[in-house]
PDB file of N, CA and C in Angstrom:
ATOM      1  N   MET A   1     -15.998  -1.843   3.920  1.00  0.00           N
ATOM      2  CA  MET A   1     -16.130  -3.242   3.571  1.00  0.00           C
ATOM      3  C   MET A   1     -15.264  -3.603   2.363  1.00  0.00           C
ATOM      4  N   ARG A   2     -15.263  -2.754   1.363  1.00  0.00           N
ATOM      5  CA  ARG A   2     -14.460  -3.034   0.171  1.00  0.00           C
ATOM      6  C   ARG A   2     -12.969  -3.008   0.479  1.00  0.00           C
ATOM      7  N   ASP A   3     -12.566  -2.176   1.427  1.00  0.00           N
ATOM      8  CA  ASP A   3     -11.161  -2.146   1.817  1.00  0.00           C
ATOM      9  C   ASP A   3     -10.742  -3.478   2.415  1.00  0.00           C
ATOM     10  N   GLY A   4     -11.630  -4.069   3.208  1.00  0.00           N
ATOM     11  CA  GLY A   4     -11.344  -5.372   3.806  1.00  0.00           C
ATOM     12  C   GLY A   4     -11.223  -6.457   2.754  1.00  0.00           C
ATOM     13  N   LEU A   5     -12.096  -6.415   1.753  1.00  0.00           N
ATOM     14  CA  LEU A   5     -12.014  -7.410   0.684  1.00  0.00           C
ATOM     15  C   LEU A   5     -10.750  -7.232  -0.150  1.00  0.00           C
ATOM     16  N   ALA A   6     -10.299  -6.003  -0.307  1.00  0.00           N
ATOM     17  CA  ALA A   6      -9.067  -5.757  -1.057  1.00  0.00           C
ATOM     18  C   ALA A   6      -7.870  -6.387  -0.350  1.00  0.00           C
ATOM     19  N   VAL A   7      -7.921  -6.431   0.975  1.00  0.00           N
ATOM     20  CA  VAL A   7      -6.830  -7.045   1.736  1.00  0.00           C
ATOM     21  C   VAL A   7      -6.914  -8.565   1.675  1.00  0.00           C
ATOM     22  N   VAL A   8      -8.120  -9.093   1.764  1.00  0.00           N
ATOM     23  CA  VAL A   8      -8.316 -10.540   1.873  1.00  0.00           C
ATOM     24  C   VAL A   8      -8.289 -11.240   0.513  1.00  0.00           C
ATOM     25  N   TRP A   9      -8.687 -10.531  -0.548  1.00  0.00           N
ATOM     26  CA  TRP A   9      -8.801 -11.168  -1.858  1.00  0.00           C
ATOM     27  C   TRP A   9      -7.516 -11.860  -2.331  1.00  0.00           C
ATOM     28  N   PRO A  10      -6.339 -11.281  -2.197  1.00  0.00           N
ATOM     29  CA  PRO A  10      -5.129 -11.997  -2.638  1.00  0.00           C
ATOM     30  C   PRO A  10      -4.889 -13.289  -1.854  1.00  0.00           C
ATOM     31  N   ILE A  11      -5.184 -13.277  -0.569  1.00  0.00           N
ATOM     32  CA  ILE A  11      -5.012 -14.488   0.245  1.00  0.00           C
ATOM     33  C   ILE A  11      -6.009 -15.547  -0.197  1.00  0.00           C
ATOM     34  N   PHE A  12      -7.259 -15.146  -0.374  1.00  0.00           N
ATOM     35  CA  PHE A  12      -8.313 -16.056  -0.817  1.00  0.00           C
ATOM     36  C   PHE A  12      -7.958 -16.664  -2.173  1.00  0.00           C
ATOM     37  N   SER A  13      -7.517 -15.827  -3.089  1.00  0.00           N
ATOM     38  CA  SER A  13      -7.138 -16.298  -4.426  1.00  0.00           C
ATOM     39  C   SER A  13      -5.957 -17.260  -4.365  1.00  0.00           C
ATOM     40  N   ALA A  14      -4.971 -16.936  -3.542  1.00  0.00           N
ATOM     41  CA  ALA A  14      -3.797 -17.808  -3.418  1.00  0.00           C
ATOM     42  C   ALA A  14      -4.184 -19.177  -2.858  1.00  0.00           C
ATOM     43  N   LEU A  15      -5.087 -19.199  -1.884  1.00  0.00           N
ATOM     44  CA  LEU A  15      -5.532 -20.478  -1.329  1.00  0.00           C
ATOM     45  C   LEU A  15      -6.285 -21.303  -2.366  1.00  0.00           C
ATOM     46  N   LEU A  16      -7.125 -20.645  -3.162  1.00  0.00           N
ATOM     47  CA  LEU A  16      -7.831 -21.360  -4.229  1.00  0.00           C
ATOM     48  C   LEU A  16      -6.871 -21.920  -5.275  1.00  0.00           C
ATOM     49  N   VAL A  17      -5.911 -21.100  -5.676  1.00  0.00           N
ATOM     50  CA  VAL A  17      -4.924 -21.554  -6.672  1.00  0.00           C
ATOM     51  C   VAL A  17      -4.104 -22.716  -6.112  1.00  0.00           C
ATOM     52  N   LEU A  18      -3.724 -22.622  -4.837  1.00  0.00           N
ATOM     53  CA  LEU A  18      -2.966 -23.708  -4.211  1.00  0.00           C
ATOM     54  C   LEU A  18      -3.783 -24.995  -4.175  1.00  0.00           C
ATOM     55  N   MET A  19      -5.065 -24.886  -3.827  1.00  0.00           N
ATOM     56  CA  MET A  19      -5.902 -26.079  -3.768  1.00  0.00           C
ATOM     57  C   MET A  19      -6.083 -26.699  -5.158  1.00  0.00           C
ATOM     58  N   VAL A  20      -6.294 -25.873  -6.147  1.00  0.00           N
ATOM     59  CA  VAL A  20      -6.435 -26.375  -7.515  1.00  0.00           C
ATOM     60  C   VAL A  20      -5.132 -27.028  -7.976  1.00  0.00           C
ATOM     61  N   GLY A  21      -4.011 -26.373  -7.724  1.00  0.00           N
ATOM     62  CA  GLY A  21      -2.715 -26.931  -8.127  1.00  0.00           C
ATOM     63  C   GLY A  21      -2.415 -28.255  -7.455  1.00  0.00           C
ATOM     64  N   LEU A  22      -2.694 -28.341  -6.160  1.00  0.00           N
ATOM     65  CA  LEU A  22      -2.469 -29.607  -5.457  1.00  0.00           C
ATOM     66  C   LEU A  22      -3.400 -30.702  -5.966  1.00  0.00           C
ATOM     67  N   GLY A  23      -4.629 -30.346  -6.271  1.00  0.00           N
ATOM     68  CA  GLY A  23      -5.562 -31.334  -6.818  1.00  0.00           C
ATOM     69  C   GLY A  23      -5.118 -31.859  -8.170  1.00  0.00           C
ATOM     70  N   ILE A  24      -4.654 -30.963  -9.018  1.00  0.00           N
ATOM     71  CA  ILE A  24      -4.155 -31.386 -10.331  1.00  0.00           C
ATOM     72  C   ILE A  24      -2.909 -32.249 -10.169  1.00  0.00           C
ATOM     73  N   ALA A  25      -2.031 -31.877  -9.240  1.00  0.00           N
ATOM     74  CA  ALA A  25      -0.814 -32.665  -9.006  1.00  0.00           C
ATOM     75  C   ALA A  25      -1.156 -34.072  -8.512  1.00  0.00           C
ATOM     76  N   ILE A  26      -2.087 -34.177  -7.577  1.00  0.00           N
ATOM     77  CA  ILE A  26      -2.476 -35.505  -7.086  1.00  0.00           C
ATOM     78  C   ILE A  26      -3.124 -36.312  -8.197  1.00  0.00           C
ATOM     79  N   GLY A  27      -3.964 -35.664  -8.997  1.00  0.00           N
ATOM     80  CA  GLY A  27      -4.572 -36.363 -10.126  1.00  0.00           C
ATOM     81  C   GLY A  27      -3.534 -36.883 -11.099  1.00  0.00           C
ATOM     82  N   PHE A  28      -2.505 -36.093 -11.354  1.00  0.00           N
ATOM     83  CA  PHE A  28      -1.434 -36.522 -12.258  1.00  0.00           C
ATOM     84  C   PHE A  28      -0.658 -37.697 -11.665  1.00  0.00           C
ATOM     85  N   ILE A  29      -0.319 -37.604 -10.387  1.00  0.00           N
ATOM     86  CA  ILE A  29       0.445 -38.670  -9.736  1.00  0.00           C
ATOM     87  C   ILE A  29      -0.349 -39.976  -9.710  1.00  0.00           C
ATOM     88  N   GLU A  30      -1.653 -39.868  -9.433  1.00  0.00           N
ATOM     89  CA  GLU A  30      -2.487 -41.056  -9.307  1.00  0.00           C
ATOM     90  C   GLU A  30      -3.023 -41.560 -10.640  1.00  0.00           C
ATOM     91  N   GLY A  31      -2.837 -40.783 -11.706  1.00  0.00           N
ATOM     92  CA  GLY A  31      -3.338 -41.191 -13.013  1.00  0.00           C
ATOM     93  C   GLY A  31      -4.829 -40.937 -13.185  1.00  0.00           C
ATOM     94  N   TRP A  32      -5.368 -40.008 -12.412  1.00  0.00           N
ATOM     95  CA  TRP A  32      -6.786 -39.649 -12.521  1.00  0.00           C
ATOM     96  C   TRP A  32      -6.955 -38.572 -13.582  1.00  0.00           C
ATOM     97  N   PRO A  33      -8.160 -38.465 -14.129  1.00  0.00           N
ATOM     98  CA  PRO A  33      -8.440 -37.308 -14.998  1.00  0.00           C
ATOM     99  C   PRO A  33      -8.351 -36.008 -14.191  1.00  0.00           C
ATOM    100  N   MET A  34      -8.109 -34.906 -14.889  1.00  0.00           N
ATOM    101  CA  MET A  34      -7.917 -33.631 -14.204  1.00  0.00           C
ATOM    102  C   MET A  34      -9.140 -33.246 -13.368  1.00  0.00           C
ATOM    103  N   LEU A  35     -10.329 -33.474 -13.887  1.00  0.00           N
ATOM    104  CA  LEU A  35     -11.533 -33.120 -13.138  1.00  0.00           C
ATOM    105  C   LEU A  35     -11.670 -33.951 -11.863  1.00  0.00           C
ATOM    106  N   ASP A  36     -11.213 -35.199 -11.906  1.00  0.00           N
ATOM    107  CA  ASP A  36     -11.234 -36.021 -10.689  1.00  0.00           C
ATOM    108  C   ASP A  36     -10.261 -35.468  -9.649  1.00  0.00           C
ATOM    109  N   GLY A  37      -9.121 -34.979 -10.105  1.00  0.00           N
ATOM    110  CA  GLY A  37      -8.170 -34.369  -9.182  1.00  0.00           C
ATOM    111  C   GLY A  37      -8.736 -33.114  -8.536  1.00  0.00           C
ATOM    112  N   LEU A  38      -9.415 -32.288  -9.327  1.00  0.00           N
ATOM    113  CA  LEU A  38     -10.050 -31.090  -8.778  1.00  0.00           C
ATOM    114  C   LEU A  38     -11.178 -31.456  -7.822  1.00  0.00           C
ATOM    115  N   TYR A  39     -11.970 -32.441  -8.219  1.00  0.00           N
ATOM    116  CA  TYR A  39     -13.055 -32.918  -7.361  1.00  0.00           C
ATOM    117  C   TYR A  39     -12.494 -33.409  -6.028  1.00  0.00           C
ATOM    118  N   PHE A  40     -11.433 -34.198  -6.084  1.00  0.00           N
ATOM    119  CA  PHE A  40     -10.812 -34.708  -4.865  1.00  0.00           C
ATOM    120  C   PHE A  40     -10.315 -33.566  -3.986  1.00  0.00           C
ATOM    121  N   ALA A  41      -9.709 -32.562  -4.606  1.00  0.00           N
ATOM    122  CA  ALA A  41      -9.157 -31.447  -3.834  1.00  0.00           C
ATOM    123  C   ALA A  41     -10.248 -30.701  -3.075  1.00  0.00           C
ATOM    124  N   PHE A  42     -11.341 -30.392  -3.729  1.00  0.00           N
ATOM    125  CA  PHE A  42     -12.377 -29.610  -3.059  1.00  0.00           C
ATOM    126  C   PHE A  42     -13.203 -30.448  -2.091  1.00  0.00           C
ATOM    127  N   VAL A  43     -13.432 -31.708  -2.413  1.00  0.00           N
ATOM    128  CA  VAL A  43     -14.152 -32.568  -1.473  1.00  0.00           C
ATOM    129  C   VAL A  43     -13.303 -32.801  -0.220  1.00  0.00           C
ATOM    130  N   SER A  44     -12.017 -32.973  -0.400  1.00  0.00           N
ATOM    131  CA  SER A  44     -11.129 -33.167   0.753  1.00  0.00           C
ATOM    132  C   SER A  44     -10.888 -31.855   1.493  1.00  0.00           C
ATOM    133  N   GLY A  45     -10.677 -30.778   0.751  1.00  0.00           N
ATOM    134  CA  GLY A  45     -10.394 -29.488   1.368  1.00  0.00           C
ATOM    135  C   GLY A  45     -11.557 -28.939   2.159  1.00  0.00           C
ATOM    136  N   LEU A  46     -12.766 -29.238   1.732  1.00  0.00           N
ATOM    137  CA  LEU A  46     -13.947 -28.793   2.467  1.00  0.00           C
ATOM    138  C   LEU A  46     -14.350 -29.810   3.534  1.00  0.00           C
ATOM    139  N   THR A  47     -13.499 -30.770   3.790  1.00  0.00           N
ATOM    140  CA  THR A  47     -13.648 -31.824   4.807  1.00  0.00           C
ATOM    141  C   THR A  47     -14.920 -32.648   4.639  1.00  0.00           C
ATOM    142  N   ILE A  48     -15.356 -32.816   3.404  1.00  0.00           N
ATOM    143  CA  ILE A  48     -16.495 -33.690   3.136  1.00  0.00           C
ATOM    144  C   ILE A  48     -15.986 -35.124   3.059  1.00  0.00           C
ATOM    145  N   GLY A  49     -15.038 -35.376   2.181  1.00  0.00           N
ATOM    146  CA  GLY A  49     -14.353 -36.659   2.092  1.00  0.00           C
ATOM    147  C   GLY A  49     -15.250 -37.855   1.851  1.00  0.00           C
ATOM    148  N   TYR A  50     -15.803 -37.979   0.667  1.00  0.00           N
ATOM    149  CA  TYR A  50     -16.674 -39.109   0.350  1.00  0.00           C
ATOM    150  C   TYR A  50     -15.940 -40.439   0.355  1.00  0.00           C
ATOM    151  N   GLY A  51     -14.685 -40.439   0.010  1.00  0.00           N
ATOM    152  CA  GLY A  51     -13.907 -41.674  -0.009  1.00  0.00           C
ATOM    153  C   GLY A  51     -13.957 -42.423  -1.320  1.00  0.00           C
ATOM    154  N   ASP A  52     -14.554 -41.831  -2.342  1.00  0.00           N
ATOM    155  CA  ASP A  52     -14.610 -42.504  -3.633  1.00  0.00           C
ATOM    156  C   ASP A  52     -13.284 -42.421  -4.384  1.00  0.00           C
ATOM    157  N   LEU A  53     -12.493 -41.413  -4.110  1.00  0.00           N
ATOM    158  CA  LEU A  53     -11.142 -41.304  -4.652  1.00  0.00           C
ATOM    159  C   LEU A  53     -10.177 -41.288  -3.475  1.00  0.00           C
ATOM    160  N   VAL A  54      -9.210 -42.189  -3.512  1.00  0.00           N
ATOM    161  CA  VAL A  54      -8.264 -42.316  -2.408  1.00  0.00           C
ATOM    162  C   VAL A  54      -6.851 -42.331  -2.983  1.00  0.00           C
ATOM    163  N   PRO A  55      -5.990 -41.407  -2.537  1.00  0.00           N
ATOM    164  CA  PRO A  55      -4.606 -41.433  -3.023  1.00  0.00           C
ATOM    165  C   PRO A  55      -3.864 -42.649  -2.486  1.00  0.00           C
ATOM    166  N   LYS A  56      -3.049 -43.249  -3.328  1.00  0.00           N
ATOM    167  CA  LYS A  56      -2.339 -44.483  -2.959  1.00  0.00           C
ATOM    168  C   LYS A  56      -0.863 -44.249  -2.634  1.00  0.00           C
ATOM    169  N   THR A  57      -0.221 -43.318  -3.330  1.00  0.00           N
ATOM    170  CA  THR A  57       1.215 -43.133  -3.127  1.00  0.00           C
ATOM    171  C   THR A  57       1.486 -42.231  -1.925  1.00  0.00           C
ATOM    172  N   LEU A  58       2.677 -42.363  -1.393  1.00  0.00           N
ATOM    173  CA  LEU A  58       3.065 -41.559  -0.232  1.00  0.00           C
ATOM    174  C   LEU A  58       3.065 -40.061  -0.561  1.00  0.00           C
ATOM    175  N   LEU A  59       3.570 -39.708  -1.740  1.00  0.00           N
ATOM    176  CA  LEU A  59       3.618 -38.302  -2.132  1.00  0.00           C
ATOM    177  C   LEU A  59       2.215 -37.710  -2.255  1.00  0.00           C
ATOM    178  N   SER A  60       1.319 -38.423  -2.907  1.00  0.00           N
ATOM    179  CA  SER A  60      -0.026 -37.882  -3.073  1.00  0.00           C
ATOM    180  C   SER A  60      -0.773 -37.823  -1.742  1.00  0.00           C
ATOM    181  N   ARG A  61      -0.478 -38.725  -0.826  1.00  0.00           N
ATOM    182  CA  ARG A  61      -1.078 -38.651   0.510  1.00  0.00           C
ATOM    183  C   ARG A  61      -0.558 -37.430   1.269  1.00  0.00           C
ATOM    184  N   ALA A  62       0.723 -37.130   1.123  1.00  0.00           N
ATOM    185  CA  ALA A  62       1.289 -35.941   1.768  1.00  0.00           C
ATOM    186  C   ALA A  62       0.670 -34.673   1.174  1.00  0.00           C
ATOM    187  N   LEU A  63       0.475 -34.663  -0.136  1.00  0.00           N
ATOM    188  CA  LEU A  63      -0.164 -33.517  -0.773  1.00  0.00           C
ATOM    189  C   LEU A  63      -1.624 -33.388  -0.336  1.00  0.00           C
ATOM    190  N   ALA A  64      -2.282 -34.516  -0.090  1.00  0.00           N
ATOM    191  CA  ALA A  64      -3.663 -34.485   0.397  1.00  0.00           C
ATOM    192  C   ALA A  64      -3.742 -33.858   1.786  1.00  0.00           C
ATOM    193  N   ILE A  65      -2.737 -34.077   2.604  1.00  0.00           N
ATOM    194  CA  ILE A  65      -2.689 -33.414   3.913  1.00  0.00           C
ATOM    195  C   ILE A  65      -2.575 -31.908   3.720  1.00  0.00           C
ATOM    196  N   CYS A  66      -1.768 -31.488   2.757  1.00  0.00           N
ATOM    197  CA  CYS A  66      -1.655 -30.053   2.454  1.00  0.00           C
ATOM    198  C   CYS A  66      -2.985 -29.493   1.967  1.00  0.00           C
ATOM    199  N   ILE A  67      -3.722 -30.277   1.196  1.00  0.00           N
ATOM    200  CA  ILE A  67      -5.050 -29.846   0.757  1.00  0.00           C
ATOM    201  C   ILE A  67      -5.960 -29.664   1.965  1.00  0.00           C
ATOM    202  N   GLY A  68      -5.872 -30.566   2.928  1.00  0.00           N
ATOM    203  CA  GLY A  68      -6.683 -30.443   4.135  1.00  0.00           C
ATOM    204  C   GLY A  68      -6.398 -29.160   4.892  1.00  0.00           C
ATOM    205  N   PHE A  69      -5.123 -28.846   5.081  1.00  0.00           N
ATOM    206  CA  PHE A  69      -4.764 -27.598   5.766  1.00  0.00           C
ATOM    207  C   PHE A  69      -5.219 -26.374   4.973  1.00  0.00           C
ATOM    208  N   THR A  70      -5.060 -26.429   3.659  1.00  0.00           N
ATOM    209  CA  THR A  70      -5.496 -25.326   2.813  1.00  0.00           C
ATOM    210  C   THR A  70      -7.008 -25.144   2.914  1.00  0.00           C
ATOM    211  N   GLY A  71      -7.730 -26.237   2.929  1.00  0.00           N
ATOM    212  CA  GLY A  71      -9.184 -26.163   3.063  1.00  0.00           C
ATOM    213  C   GLY A  71      -9.623 -25.569   4.386  1.00  0.00           C
ATOM    214  N   ILE A  72      -8.926 -25.911   5.454  1.00  0.00           N
ATOM    215  CA  ILE A  72      -9.248 -25.337   6.764  1.00  0.00           C
ATOM    216  C   ILE A  72      -9.016 -23.827   6.742  1.00  0.00           C
ATOM    217  N   LEU A  73      -7.906 -23.403   6.169  1.00  0.00           N
ATOM    218  CA  LEU A  73      -7.631 -21.964   6.064  1.00  0.00           C
ATOM    219  C   LEU A  73      -8.666 -21.261   5.199  1.00  0.00           C
ATOM    220  N   LEU A  74      -9.042 -21.880   4.095  1.00  0.00           N
ATOM    221  CA  LEU A  74     -10.022 -21.294   3.191  1.00  0.00           C
ATOM    222  C   LEU A  74     -11.384 -21.170   3.871  1.00  0.00           C
ATOM    223  N   THR A  75     -11.806 -22.193   4.570  1.00  0.00           N
ATOM    224  CA  THR A  75     -13.084 -22.164   5.277  1.00  0.00           C
ATOM    225  C   THR A  75     -13.068 -21.114   6.383  1.00  0.00           C
ATOM    226  N   GLY A  76     -11.980 -21.035   7.118  1.00  0.00           N
ATOM    227  CA  GLY A  76     -11.864 -20.025   8.166  1.00  0.00           C
ATOM    228  C   GLY A  76     -11.885 -18.619   7.605  1.00  0.00           C
ATOM    229  N   LEU A  77     -11.260 -18.424   6.464  1.00  0.00           N
ATOM    230  CA  LEU A  77     -11.241 -17.107   5.840  1.00  0.00           C
ATOM    231  C   LEU A  77     -12.637 -16.695   5.380  1.00  0.00           C
ATOM    232  N   VAL A  78     -13.368 -17.624   4.781  1.00  0.00           N
ATOM    233  CA  VAL A  78     -14.734 -17.329   4.347  1.00  0.00           C
ATOM    234  C   VAL A  78     -15.612 -17.011   5.554  1.00  0.00           C
ATOM    235  N   ALA A  79     -15.462 -17.763   6.645  1.00  0.00           N
ATOM    236  CA  ALA A  79     -16.229 -17.489   7.862  1.00  0.00           C
ATOM    237  C   ALA A  79     -15.873 -16.113   8.428  1.00  0.00           C
ATOM    238  N   ALA A  80     -14.598 -15.770   8.430  1.00  0.00           N
ATOM    239  CA  ALA A  80     -14.172 -14.465   8.944  1.00  0.00           C
ATOM    240  C   ALA A  80     -14.730 -13.327   8.097  1.00  0.00           C
ATOM    241  N   ILE A  81     -14.759 -13.500   6.790  1.00  0.00           N
ATOM    242  CA  ILE A  81     -15.333 -12.478   5.911  1.00  0.00           C
ATOM    243  C   ILE A  81     -16.820 -12.316   6.209  1.00  0.00           C
ATOM    244  N   GLY A  82     -17.515 -13.415   6.408  1.00  0.00           N
ATOM    245  CA  GLY A  82     -18.939 -13.352   6.725  1.00  0.00           C
ATOM    246  C   GLY A  82     -19.210 -12.660   8.048  1.00  0.00           C
ATOM    247  N   VAL A  83     -18.434 -12.982   9.059  1.00  0.00           N
ATOM    248  CA  VAL A  83     -18.601 -12.339  10.365  1.00  0.00           C
ATOM    249  C   VAL A  83     -18.313 -10.846  10.265  1.00  0.00           C
ATOM    250  N   GLN A  84     -17.272 -10.490   9.554  1.00  0.00           N
ATOM    251  CA  GLN A  84     -16.933  -9.070   9.392  1.00  0.00           C
ATOM    252  C   GLN A  84     -18.046  -8.321   8.658  1.00  0.00           C
ATOM    253  N   ALA A  85     -18.617  -8.948   7.626  1.00  0.00           N
ATOM    254  CA  ALA A  85     -19.702  -8.301   6.881  1.00  0.00           C
ATOM    255  C   ALA A  85     -20.932  -8.121   7.757  1.00  0.00           C
ATOM    256  N   LEU A  86     -21.264  -9.136   8.551  1.00  0.00           N
ATOM    257  CA  LEU A  86     -22.416  -9.013   9.446  1.00  0.00           C
ATOM    258  C   LEU A  86     -22.180  -7.965  10.530  1.00  0.00           C
ATOM    259  N   THR A  87     -20.982  -7.904  11.054  1.00  0.00           N
ATOM    260  CA  THR A  87     -20.652  -6.894  12.065  1.00  0.00           C
ATOM    261  C   THR A  87     -20.749  -5.488  11.478  1.00  0.00           C
ATOM    262  N   ALA A  88     -20.241  -5.297  10.285  1.00  0.00           N
ATOM    263  CA  ALA A  88     -20.313  -3.987   9.639  1.00  0.00           C
ATOM    264  C   ALA A  88     -21.763  -3.598   9.360  1.00  0.00           C
ATOM    265  N   ALA A  89     -22.573  -4.554   8.919  1.00  0.00           N
ATOM    266  CA  ALA A  89     -23.980  -4.266   8.647  1.00  0.00           C
ATOM    267  C   ALA A  89     -24.715  -3.919   9.940  1.00  0.00           C
ATOM    268  N   LEU A  90     -24.386  -4.581  11.027  1.00  0.00           N
ATOM    269  CA  LEU A  90     -25.028  -4.296  12.310  1.00  0.00           C
ATOM    270  C   LEU A  90     -24.676  -2.886  12.782  1.00  0.00           C
ATOM    271  N   HIS A  91     -23.415  -2.496  12.635  1.00  0.00           N
ATOM    272  CA  HIS A  91     -23.002  -1.157  13.033  1.00  0.00           C
ATOM    273  C   HIS A  91     -23.651  -0.077  12.178  1.00  0.00           C
ATOM    274  N   GLU A  92     -23.856  -0.361  10.907  1.00  0.00           N
ATOM    275  CA  GLU A  92     -24.497   0.613  10.017  1.00  0.00           C
ATOM    276  C   GLU A  92     -25.962   0.801  10.381  1.00  0.00           C
ATOM    277  N   THR A  93     -26.646  -0.260  10.784  1.00  0.00           N
ATOM    278  CA  THR A  93     -28.058  -0.136  11.101  1.00  0.00           C
ATOM    279  C   THR A  93     -28.283   0.511  12.480  1.00  0.00           C
ATOM    280  N   ARG A  94     -27.306   0.434  13.361  1.00  0.00           N
ATOM    281  CA  ARG A  94     -27.443   1.020  14.701  1.00  0.00           C
ATOM    282  C   ARG A  94     -27.117   2.510  14.732  1.00  0.00           C
ATOM    283  N   GLN A  95     -26.415   3.013  13.758  1.00  0.00           N
ATOM    284  CA  GLN A  95     -26.059   4.434  13.747  1.00  0.00           C
ATOM    285  C   GLN A  95     -27.265   5.255  13.327  1.00  0.00           C
ATOM    286  N   PRO A  96     -27.512   6.393  14.044  1.00  0.00           N
ATOM    287  CA  PRO A  96     -28.678   7.230  13.697  1.00  0.00           C
ATOM    288  C   PRO A  96     -28.498   7.983  12.401  1.00  0.00           C
TER     289      PRO A  96
END
């Protein structure tokens, strides 16, 4: 299990850093506080999308699309890690 996390951790970290960076960039472009940019990134990336913060410029809208794709990858990666952990636990309990 730890070997699998060693492989996935750099990808997971890179996706988080990318989402944070894109959120800060959109916040800067839109003139939002940094925390609002981070909030927007994670709310959009996790496909919640409350709609309280909406990017207005073309560049920030394009970056928001990138946040959406990053969020889909991040969610899929977390789901894959969970499935792998459950599968490994099931195999351990079935072995005599």
